[in-house]
Amino acid sequence: MNKRFWIITAGVAGCLVALVWLIYFLTLAPVGGNKSKQFTIQSGESITSIAKHLQEEGLIKSVGGFKFYLKLTGKVIVQPGAYEISPNFSAPRIANLVANGNTANATVTIPEGYTLDQIATLLAEKGIATKSEFQTTAENFPPDYGFMKSKPTTSSLEGFLFPDTYRLLKGDVVSAVRMMLNNFETKYKSDISPTLGDRNFYNILIIASLIEREAKTQIDREQVAAVLYNRLDAGMRLDVDATVRYITGNWKDAITKSDLAIDSPYNTRLHAGLPPGPICNPGLASIKAAMNPPDSDYYYYLTDFEGITHYAKTLTEHNQNKLRYLL
């Protein structure tokens, strides 16, 4: 009797194990495959909708099994966003992924004054795209925005990649560029175009990029803007060292004599007038300063070792400031 009981019990247990394994294989086991996919969950999307889309994308075997696991484990809330999901993930692993919000997005803060090259490096570090992918996309992006109408067709997006904090999808470089341009468009419509008039916005953007690299406070931004416009009106060279740094890509080490002698249209220490394009991507404060410079008699400025900017009306005064603050 006892022997028969244990035989039956073992048989039932074996059947249960086999049944559980069959259910797991048919509903929760990985679909299998080599290529991961980017899967997006929309804000407010239902569990049923998410499960159906996962099945349609070949990432889970069973809608019911996926929903059952979420309910069984109490993970009834999932996080919107973009996820990188492998078909080798089991349904429970995918469920935990979307419930915990482990998205394929990355939060990236682009500082004001970063160049296109610096932004490309930053996005590569964050895994959004390789540096060359971003540079190529930015250099060949269609100029389908109204604020670009004064931009030369041969120029890149330097100056238009608005500095801000973004939530970017890894691997989608086009969306990254588009998000920055859309942000610029929003600022342009609300804060720039209402007072722009018939002025050439691209030239203003170039001046704003110089201001961004030369001034840190709003008072200095406005005064530097005044100096730059005064020098342009007088036919003087702008003599902005930041334009030389843009050529060399050196934003930290001291500028050398050989740097200053580089024969480039961006070198405002050699050539009068504006450089052919922006030298960085300025923030809104610098753009506003470039649009609304104050009346000023200053033609010169320098920044001392403590970061304080000193202005002068004449070359004699400027040379005196050099002796006073830089030696």
Protein backbone atom coordinates (compact mmCIF):
# COMPACT_ATOMS: atom_id res chain seq x y z
CA MET A 1 0.00 0.00 0.00
CA ASN A 2 2.69 2.44 0.99
CA LYS A 3 4.80 1.51 -2.00
CA ARG A 4 1.89 2.04 -4.37
CA PHE A 5 1.12 5.40 -2.71
CA TRP A 6 4.64 6.66 -3.22
CA ILE A 7 4.68 5.47 -6.81
CA ILE A 8 1.47 7.37 -7.52
CA THR A 9 2.71 10.42 -5.63
CA ALA A 10 5.96 10.42 -7.59
CA GLY A 11 4.04 10.05 -10.84
CA VAL A 12 1.75 12.96 -10.00
CA ALA A 13 4.70 15.12 -8.98
CA GLY A 14 6.47 14.24 -12.20
CA CYS A 15 3.41 15.16 -14.20
CA LEU A 16 3.12 18.46 -12.35
CA VAL A 17 6.76 19.27 -13.02
CA ALA A 18 6.33 18.38 -16.67
CA LEU A 19 3.16 20.49 -16.82
CA VAL A 20 4.87 23.46 -15.20
CA TRP A 21 7.79 23.13 -17.58
CA LEU A 22 5.42 22.88 -20.55
CA ILE A 23 3.53 25.98 -19.43
CA TYR A 24 6.82 27.84 -18.94
CA PHE A 25 8.09 26.74 -22.36
CA LEU A 26 4.87 27.75 -24.12
CA THR A 27 4.32 31.05 -22.31
CA LEU A 28 7.35 32.41 -20.43
CA ALA A 29 10.49 30.96 -22.05
CA PRO A 30 12.59 33.15 -24.40
CA VAL A 31 11.47 33.26 -28.01
CA GLY A 32 15.10 33.02 -29.08
CA GLY A 33 17.10 35.03 -31.56
CA ASN A 34 20.29 37.02 -31.98
CA LYS A 35 19.25 40.61 -32.62
CA SER A 36 18.03 42.90 -29.83
CA LYS A 37 15.20 45.31 -30.58
CA GLN A 38 14.29 48.73 -29.30
CA PHE A 39 10.82 48.58 -27.80
CA THR A 40 8.91 51.70 -26.76
CA ILE A 41 6.20 51.84 -24.09
CA GLN A 42 3.97 54.88 -24.38
CA SER A 43 2.83 56.83 -21.35
CA GLY A 44 -0.54 55.45 -20.17
CA GLU A 45 -0.33 52.34 -22.37
CA SER A 46 -2.20 49.34 -20.91
CA ILE A 47 -0.57 46.07 -19.92
CA THR A 48 -2.62 44.25 -22.55
CA SER A 49 -1.46 46.62 -25.27
CA ILE A 50 2.17 46.28 -24.17
CA ALA A 51 1.94 42.49 -24.13
CA LYS A 52 0.37 42.39 -27.61
CA HIS A 53 3.09 44.63 -29.02
CA LEU A 54 5.79 42.50 -27.41
CA GLN A 55 4.31 39.42 -29.01
CA GLU A 56 4.00 41.15 -32.39
CA GLU A 57 7.68 42.12 -32.19
CA GLY A 58 8.62 38.48 -31.50
CA LEU A 59 9.86 39.21 -27.98
CA ILE A 60 7.42 37.07 -25.95
CA LYS A 61 5.49 33.90 -26.71
CA SER A 62 2.25 34.53 -24.84
CA VAL A 63 0.24 37.66 -24.02
CA GLY A 64 -1.54 35.78 -21.24
CA GLY A 65 1.66 34.42 -19.75
CA PHE A 66 3.27 37.86 -19.66
CA LYS A 67 0.22 39.43 -18.01
CA PHE A 68 -0.10 36.53 -15.55
CA TYR A 69 3.52 36.92 -14.40
CA LEU A 70 3.09 40.67 -13.85
CA LYS A 71 -0.08 40.07 -11.81
CA LEU A 72 1.44 37.18 -9.88
CA THR A 73 4.46 39.25 -8.82
CA GLY A 74 2.48 42.42 -8.17
CA LYS A 75 4.24 44.37 -10.92
CA VAL A 76 1.09 45.98 -12.24
CA ILE A 77 2.72 49.32 -13.13
CA VAL A 78 5.26 49.60 -15.95
CA GLN A 79 7.43 52.58 -16.84
CA PRO A 80 7.11 54.37 -20.20
CA GLY A 81 10.24 54.78 -22.29
CA ALA A 82 12.42 52.98 -24.80
CA TYR A 83 13.88 49.60 -23.90
CA GLU A 84 16.52 47.44 -25.54
CA ILE A 85 15.14 43.91 -25.39
CA SER A 86 16.72 40.69 -26.63
CA PRO A 87 14.56 37.79 -27.86
CA ASN A 88 16.78 35.69 -25.61
CA PHE A 89 15.17 37.35 -22.57
CA SER A 90 12.46 35.33 -20.84
CA ALA A 91 9.05 36.91 -20.28
CA PRO A 92 9.73 37.31 -16.53
CA ARG A 93 13.00 39.10 -17.29
CA ILE A 94 11.25 41.44 -19.74
CA ALA A 95 8.46 42.04 -17.23
CA ASN A 96 10.97 42.98 -14.53
CA LEU A 97 12.80 45.21 -17.02
CA VAL A 98 9.76 47.31 -17.93
CA ALA A 99 8.41 47.34 -14.38
CA ASN A 100 11.71 48.69 -12.99
CA GLY A 101 12.13 51.26 -15.75
CA ASN A 102 15.51 50.01 -16.98
CA THR A 103 15.15 51.84 -20.27
CA ALA A 104 17.57 52.22 -23.15
CA ASN A 105 17.34 55.98 -22.70
CA ALA A 106 20.14 58.10 -21.32
CA THR A 107 19.91 61.51 -19.68
CA VAL A 108 22.40 63.87 -21.31
CA THR A 109 23.13 67.46 -20.28
CA ILE A 110 24.74 69.55 -22.99
CA PRO A 111 26.47 72.58 -21.43
CA GLU A 112 26.12 76.01 -23.00
CA GLY A 113 29.08 76.71 -25.24
CA TYR A 114 29.79 73.11 -26.26
CA THR A 115 30.87 72.65 -29.86
CA LEU A 116 29.39 70.07 -32.19
CA ASP A 117 32.57 68.03 -31.72
CA GLN A 118 32.25 68.16 -27.92
CA ILE A 119 28.58 67.16 -28.11
CA ALA A 120 29.52 64.22 -30.35
CA THR A 121 32.11 63.10 -27.80
CA LEU A 122 29.60 63.41 -24.95
CA LEU A 123 26.91 61.40 -26.75
CA ALA A 124 29.45 58.70 -27.58
CA GLU A 125 30.33 58.45 -23.88
CA LYS A 126 26.62 58.08 -23.07
CA GLY A 127 26.16 55.35 -25.68
CA ILE A 128 23.73 57.33 -27.84
CA ALA A 129 25.83 57.06 -31.00
CA THR A 130 29.44 56.92 -32.06
CA LYS A 131 31.19 60.24 -32.48
CA SER A 132 31.42 59.85 -36.25
CA GLU A 133 27.73 58.86 -36.53
CA PHE A 134 26.61 62.01 -34.75
CA GLN A 135 28.99 64.25 -36.67
CA THR A 136 27.93 62.82 -40.01
CA THR A 137 24.23 63.13 -39.16
CA ALA A 138 24.61 66.71 -37.92
CA GLU A 139 26.64 67.74 -40.95
CA ASN A 140 24.12 66.31 -43.42
CA PHE A 141 20.85 67.05 -41.63
CA PRO A 142 18.18 68.62 -43.87
CA PRO A 143 17.69 72.34 -43.08
CA ASP A 144 13.90 72.05 -42.80
CA TYR A 145 13.47 74.63 -40.02
CA GLY A 146 12.47 78.24 -40.51
CA PHE A 147 15.21 79.55 -38.26
CA MET A 148 17.79 78.05 -40.63
CA LYS A 149 16.79 80.10 -43.66
CA SER A 150 19.80 82.40 -43.31
CA LYS A 151 22.22 79.51 -42.74
CA PRO A 152 24.57 78.78 -45.66
CA THR A 153 23.77 75.43 -47.20
CA THR A 154 27.39 74.31 -46.86
CA SER A 155 27.57 74.90 -43.10
CA SER A 156 26.89 72.34 -40.37
CA LEU A 157 24.45 72.54 -37.48
CA GLU A 158 27.06 74.22 -35.29
CA GLY A 159 25.21 76.83 -33.25
CA PHE A 160 21.77 75.25 -33.62
CA LEU A 161 22.17 72.27 -31.24
CA PHE A 162 20.46 73.89 -28.29
CA PRO A 163 22.23 73.25 -24.96
CA ASP A 164 19.88 71.63 -22.46
CA THR A 165 19.16 68.35 -20.63
CA TYR A 166 17.72 65.66 -22.88
CA ARG A 167 16.40 62.13 -22.47
CA LEU A 168 17.82 60.44 -25.57
CA LEU A 169 17.30 56.99 -27.02
CA LYS A 170 20.46 54.97 -27.42
CA GLY A 171 21.16 54.13 -31.04
CA ASP A 172 18.77 56.73 -32.50
CA VAL A 173 21.07 59.56 -33.58
CA VAL A 174 18.49 61.18 -35.89
CA SER A 175 16.03 61.59 -33.00
CA ALA A 176 18.80 63.08 -30.87
CA VAL A 177 19.56 65.76 -33.45
CA ARG A 178 15.88 66.39 -34.10
CA MET A 179 15.17 66.84 -30.39
CA MET A 180 17.87 69.52 -30.08
CA LEU A 181 16.60 71.33 -33.16
CA ASN A 182 12.99 71.15 -31.97
CA ASN A 183 14.10 72.70 -28.69
CA PHE A 184 15.87 75.46 -30.60
CA GLU A 185 12.74 76.04 -32.66
CA THR A 186 10.64 76.45 -29.51
CA LYS A 187 13.05 79.06 -28.12
CA TYR A 188 13.26 80.77 -31.49
CA LYS A 189 9.51 81.18 -31.84
CA SER A 190 8.94 82.39 -28.28
CA ASP A 191 12.03 84.47 -27.51
CA ILE A 192 13.81 85.39 -30.74
CA SER A 193 11.64 85.81 -33.83
CA PRO A 194 9.14 88.29 -32.25
CA THR A 195 11.90 90.95 -32.07
CA LEU A 196 14.23 89.76 -34.84
CA GLY A 197 12.79 91.86 -37.65
CA ASP A 198 14.74 91.68 -40.92
CA ARG A 199 18.12 91.08 -39.26
CA ASN A 200 20.27 88.16 -40.40
CA PHE A 201 19.80 85.61 -37.66
CA TYR A 202 22.79 83.49 -38.66
CA ASN A 203 25.12 86.45 -38.11
CA ILE A 204 23.50 87.05 -34.72
CA LEU A 205 24.04 83.40 -33.86
CA ILE A 206 27.72 83.68 -34.78
CA ILE A 207 28.12 86.68 -32.47
CA ALA A 208 26.20 84.85 -29.74
CA SER A 209 28.64 81.93 -30.00
CA LEU A 210 31.57 84.31 -29.49
CA ILE A 211 29.82 85.86 -26.49
CA GLU A 212 29.13 82.42 -25.00
CA ARG A 213 32.82 81.56 -25.00
CA GLU A 214 34.00 84.99 -23.86
CA ALA A 215 31.58 85.96 -21.05
CA LYS A 216 30.07 84.23 -18.03
CA THR A 217 27.65 86.81 -16.53
CA GLN A 218 24.77 88.58 -18.23
CA ILE A 219 26.37 91.99 -17.68
CA ASP A 220 29.55 90.79 -19.38
CA ARG A 221 27.58 89.11 -22.16
CA GLU A 222 25.94 92.43 -22.99
CA GLN A 223 29.17 94.43 -22.73
CA VAL A 224 31.12 91.94 -24.83
CA ALA A 225 28.32 92.10 -27.41
CA ALA A 226 28.68 95.89 -27.49
CA VAL A 227 32.45 95.63 -27.98
CA LEU A 228 32.08 93.14 -30.83
CA TYR A 229 29.53 95.28 -32.67
CA ASN A 230 31.64 98.42 -32.15
CA ARG A 231 34.68 96.70 -33.63
CA LEU A 232 32.69 95.34 -36.56
CA ASP A 233 31.28 98.79 -37.31
CA ALA A 234 34.78 100.29 -37.17
CA GLY A 235 36.21 97.63 -39.51
CA MET A 236 38.52 96.30 -36.79
CA ARG A 237 39.52 92.69 -36.29
CA LEU A 238 37.49 91.08 -33.52
CA ASP A 239 40.63 89.50 -31.99
CA VAL A 240 38.59 86.83 -30.15
CA ASP A 241 40.94 84.13 -28.90
CA ALA A 242 38.05 81.64 -28.68
CA THR A 243 37.93 81.54 -32.48
CA VAL A 244 41.53 80.31 -32.50
CA ARG A 245 40.64 77.67 -29.91
CA TYR A 246 37.76 76.55 -32.15
CA ILE A 247 40.24 75.89 -34.94
CA THR A 248 42.61 73.86 -32.77
CA GLY A 249 40.01 72.24 -30.52
CA ASN A 250 42.12 73.31 -27.54
CA TRP A 251 39.87 74.86 -24.88
CA LYS A 252 42.17 74.44 -21.88
CA ASP A 253 45.86 74.94 -22.61
CA ALA A 254 47.47 78.29 -23.36
CA ILE A 255 47.26 79.52 -26.94
CA THR A 256 50.62 79.47 -28.69
CA LYS A 257 52.09 81.86 -31.26
CA SER A 258 51.74 79.15 -33.89
CA ASP A 259 48.04 78.85 -33.01
CA LEU A 260 47.55 82.57 -33.52
CA ALA A 261 49.24 82.35 -36.91
CA ILE A 262 46.90 79.69 -38.32
CA ASP A 263 45.52 81.01 -41.59
CA SER A 264 41.85 80.14 -41.24
CA PRO A 265 38.74 82.24 -41.92
CA TYR A 266 37.79 81.44 -38.30
CA ASN A 267 40.94 83.15 -37.00
CA THR A 268 39.68 86.60 -36.00
CA ARG A 269 43.17 87.49 -34.83
CA LEU A 270 44.16 87.53 -38.51
CA HIS A 271 40.98 88.32 -40.43
CA ALA A 272 38.51 91.16 -39.95
CA GLY A 273 34.77 90.53 -39.83
CA LEU A 274 32.81 87.58 -38.52
CA PRO A 275 34.05 84.00 -38.78
CA PRO A 276 32.09 81.98 -41.37
CA GLY A 277 29.98 80.21 -38.73
CA PRO A 278 29.31 79.83 -35.01
CA ILE A 279 32.18 78.52 -32.89
CA CYS A 280 29.90 76.76 -30.39
CA ASN A 281 26.26 76.24 -29.48
CA PRO A 282 25.21 79.23 -27.38
CA GLY A 283 22.47 79.44 -24.79
CA LEU A 284 19.48 81.77 -24.95
CA ALA A 285 21.12 84.41 -22.73
CA SER A 286 24.00 84.87 -25.17
CA ILE A 287 21.63 84.98 -28.14
CA LYS A 288 19.58 87.68 -26.43
CA ALA A 289 22.76 89.65 -25.68
CA ALA A 290 23.76 89.43 -29.35
CA MET A 291 20.32 90.69 -30.35
CA ASN A 292 20.20 93.58 -27.89
CA PRO A 293 23.67 95.05 -27.23
CA PRO A 294 23.73 98.17 -25.04
CA ASP A 295 25.12 101.49 -26.22
CA SER A 296 28.80 101.55 -25.29
CA ASP A 297 32.07 103.35 -26.08
CA TYR A 298 34.15 100.26 -25.33
CA TYR A 299 36.28 98.69 -28.08
CA TYR A 300 38.47 96.41 -25.97
CA TYR A 301 38.17 93.94 -23.12
CA LEU A 302 40.28 91.39 -21.29
CA THR A 303 39.62 88.88 -18.54
CA ASP A 304 42.02 88.71 -15.60
CA PHE A 305 43.22 85.63 -13.75
CA GLU A 306 40.25 85.79 -11.37
CA GLY A 307 37.73 85.77 -14.22
CA ILE A 308 36.87 89.48 -13.98
CA THR A 309 36.44 91.27 -17.31
CA HIS A 310 37.88 94.77 -17.78
CA TYR A 311 36.85 97.10 -20.60
CA ALA A 312 38.60 99.95 -22.35
CA LYS A 313 37.66 102.66 -24.84
CA THR A 314 41.11 103.07 -26.40
CA LEU A 315 44.11 100.90 -27.17
CA THR A 316 46.14 102.90 -24.65
CA GLU A 317 43.63 102.10 -21.89
CA HIS A 318 43.57 98.46 -22.99
CA ASN A 319 47.37 98.20 -22.79
CA GLN A 320 47.25 99.74 -19.33
CA ASN A 321 44.71 97.08 -18.30
CA LYS A 322 47.08 94.40 -19.60
CA LEU A 323 49.90 95.73 -17.43
CA ARG A 324 47.58 96.07 -14.44
CA TYR A 325 45.68 92.77 -14.59
CA LEU A 326 47.69 90.28 -16.66
CA LEU A 327 51.29 90.79 -15.51
